[in-house]
Structure formats: structure tokens, C-alpha cells
């Protein structure tokens, strides 16, 4: 028998991995959970690139697919 999901949590897929997050979590919240808050990253949700200025406004939904790319300096 399947276990009912906690309504205060949802699951999103980050770079292909299942990741539990709070319901109504924003991109900013997800980055904080992943330890990436304040880092230079690019984020796409369901293949749509999210502008950094919108991270705090874009709310994730159950089963959203999030891709995160970290900027790497070189020289």
C-alpha cells in the first residue's frame, strides 16, 4: 500500500535526482536547501531558463524538473 505523501512536502527532480522540498518552495529556497544560495548558478525549470531576478518568485510544483549549472571560472 503506498504511503500518503506529506502535504507540506513535494518532490522535484534536480539534475535528474529526486529531491524532497517544502511545498511552495521557490528556486531561492531550493538553492538554499542544496547549499548553493548566493553562488553563481544558472537554473532552468521544466526547460525554461529562470532569470536570477526571478528566483524568489518562481514556485516549484510537484515533479518539476530543475536543471542547475554552476559557473566555473578558468584561465
C-alpha atoms as a PDB file:
ATOM      1  CA  UNK A   1       0.000   0.000   0.000  1.00  0.00           C
ATOM      2  CA  UNK A   2       1.521   3.384  -0.996  1.00  0.00           C
ATOM      3  CA  UNK A   3       2.324   5.824   1.778  1.00  0.00           C
ATOM      4  CA  UNK A   4       0.424   9.111   1.524  1.00  0.00           C
ATOM      5  CA  UNK A   5       2.744  12.000   0.749  1.00  0.00           C
ATOM      6  CA  UNK A   6       3.189  14.707   3.346  1.00  0.00           C
ATOM      7  CA  UNK A   7       1.165  17.691   2.045  1.00  0.00           C
ATOM      8  CA  UNK A   8       3.832  20.022   3.439  1.00  0.00           C
ATOM      9  CA  UNK A   9       6.419  18.435   1.124  1.00  0.00           C
ATOM     10  CA  UNK A  10       6.778  17.697  -2.546  1.00  0.00           C
ATOM     11  CA  UNK A  11       9.348  16.036  -4.735  1.00  0.00           C
ATOM     12  CA  UNK A  12      11.180  17.760  -7.577  1.00  0.00           C
ATOM     13  CA  UNK A  13      13.928  16.372  -9.793  1.00  0.00           C
ATOM     14  CA  UNK A  14      17.213  18.279  -9.634  1.00  0.00           C
ATOM     15  CA  UNK A  15      19.641  17.345 -12.405  1.00  0.00           C
ATOM     16  CA  UNK A  16      17.743  14.052 -12.647  1.00  0.00           C
ATOM     17  CA  UNK A  17      17.801  13.214  -8.916  1.00  0.00           C
ATOM     18  CA  UNK A  18      14.662  13.057  -6.791  1.00  0.00           C
ATOM     19  CA  UNK A  19      14.805  15.815  -4.161  1.00  0.00           C
ATOM     20  CA  UNK A  20      12.215  16.446  -1.417  1.00  0.00           C
ATOM     21  CA  UNK A  21      11.423  20.116  -0.787  1.00  0.00           C
ATOM     22  CA  UNK A  22       8.805  22.069   1.133  1.00  0.00           C
ATOM     23  CA  UNK A  23       5.507  22.690  -0.609  1.00  0.00           C
ATOM     24  CA  UNK A  24       5.515  26.087  -2.338  1.00  0.00           C
ATOM     25  CA  UNK A  25       9.337  26.116  -2.371  1.00  0.00           C
ATOM     26  CA  UNK A  26      10.872  28.785  -4.599  1.00  0.00           C
ATOM     27  CA  UNK A  27      14.018  28.455  -6.676  1.00  0.00           C
ATOM     28  CA  UNK A  28      15.792  30.516  -3.988  1.00  0.00           C
ATOM     29  CA  UNK A  29      14.589  28.078  -1.317  1.00  0.00           C
ATOM     30  CA  UNK A  30      15.769  25.098  -3.339  1.00  0.00           C
ATOM     31  CA  UNK A  31      19.208  26.633  -3.821  1.00  0.00           C
ATOM     32  CA  UNK A  32      19.462  27.233  -0.061  1.00  0.00           C
ATOM     33  CA  UNK A  33      18.479  23.602   0.667  1.00  0.00           C
ATOM     34  CA  UNK A  34      21.162  22.427  -1.765  1.00  0.00           C
ATOM     35  CA  UNK A  35      23.828  24.685  -0.241  1.00  0.00           C
ATOM     36  CA  UNK A  36      24.015  26.799  -3.381  1.00  0.00           C
ATOM     37  CA  UNK A  37      22.494  30.005  -2.016  1.00  0.00           C
ATOM     38  CA  UNK A  38      24.496  33.017  -3.136  1.00  0.00           C
ATOM     39  CA  UNK A  39      26.529  31.022  -5.680  1.00  0.00           C
ATOM     40  CA  UNK A  40      26.639  31.892  -9.349  1.00  0.00           C
ATOM     41  CA  UNK A  41      24.377  29.309 -10.948  1.00  0.00           C
ATOM     42  CA  UNK A  42      22.030  29.098 -13.899  1.00  0.00           C
ATOM     43  CA  UNK A  43      18.655  27.467 -13.309  1.00  0.00           C
ATOM     44  CA  UNK A  44      16.040  26.056 -15.665  1.00  0.00           C
ATOM     45  CA  UNK A  45      12.668  24.721 -14.523  1.00  0.00           C
ATOM     46  CA  UNK A  46      10.981  22.357 -16.955  1.00  0.00           C
ATOM     47  CA  UNK A  47      13.434  23.510 -19.641  1.00  0.00           C
ATOM     48  CA  UNK A  48      12.611  27.210 -19.148  1.00  0.00           C
ATOM     49  CA  UNK A  49      15.575  29.304 -18.006  1.00  0.00           C
ATOM     50  CA  UNK A  50      14.780  31.335 -14.883  1.00  0.00           C
ATOM     51  CA  UNK A  51      16.310  34.796 -14.605  1.00  0.00           C
ATOM     52  CA  UNK A  52      18.258  35.272 -11.363  1.00  0.00           C
ATOM     53  CA  UNK A  53      15.989  38.223 -10.521  1.00  0.00           C
ATOM     54  CA  UNK A  54      13.008  35.796 -10.536  1.00  0.00           C
ATOM     55  CA  UNK A  55      14.469  33.056  -8.275  1.00  0.00           C
ATOM     56  CA  UNK A  56      12.488  34.277  -5.261  1.00  0.00           C
ATOM     57  CA  UNK A  57       9.232  34.423  -7.229  1.00  0.00           C
ATOM     58  CA  UNK A  58       9.251  31.153  -9.182  1.00  0.00           C
ATOM     59  CA  UNK A  59       7.481  28.499  -7.114  1.00  0.00           C
ATOM     60  CA  UNK A  60       8.231  24.852  -7.766  1.00  0.00           C
ATOM     61  CA  UNK A  61       5.477  22.261  -8.214  1.00  0.00           C
ATOM     62  CA  UNK A  62       5.381  18.515  -7.618  1.00  0.00           C
ATOM     63  CA  UNK A  63       7.572  16.631 -10.118  1.00  0.00           C
ATOM     64  CA  UNK A  64       9.095  19.774 -11.657  1.00  0.00           C
ATOM     65  CA  UNK A  65      12.400  19.120 -13.408  1.00  0.00           C
ATOM     66  CA  UNK A  66      15.105  21.556 -12.347  1.00  0.00           C
ATOM     67  CA  UNK A  67      18.496  21.817 -14.007  1.00  0.00           C
ATOM     68  CA  UNK A  68      21.232  23.709 -12.171  1.00  0.00           C
ATOM     69  CA  UNK A  69      24.549  24.638 -13.737  1.00  0.00           C
ATOM     70  CA  UNK A  70      27.365  26.149 -11.686  1.00  0.00           C
ATOM     71  CA  UNK A  71      29.578  28.788 -13.231  1.00  0.00           C
ATOM     72  CA  UNK A  72      33.188  27.637 -13.297  1.00  0.00           C
ATOM     73  CA  UNK A  73      35.980  30.153 -13.713  1.00  0.00           C
ATOM     74  CA  UNK A  74      39.003  29.294 -15.726  1.00  0.00           C
ATOM     75  CA  UNK A  75      42.019  30.858 -17.158  1.00  0.00           C
END
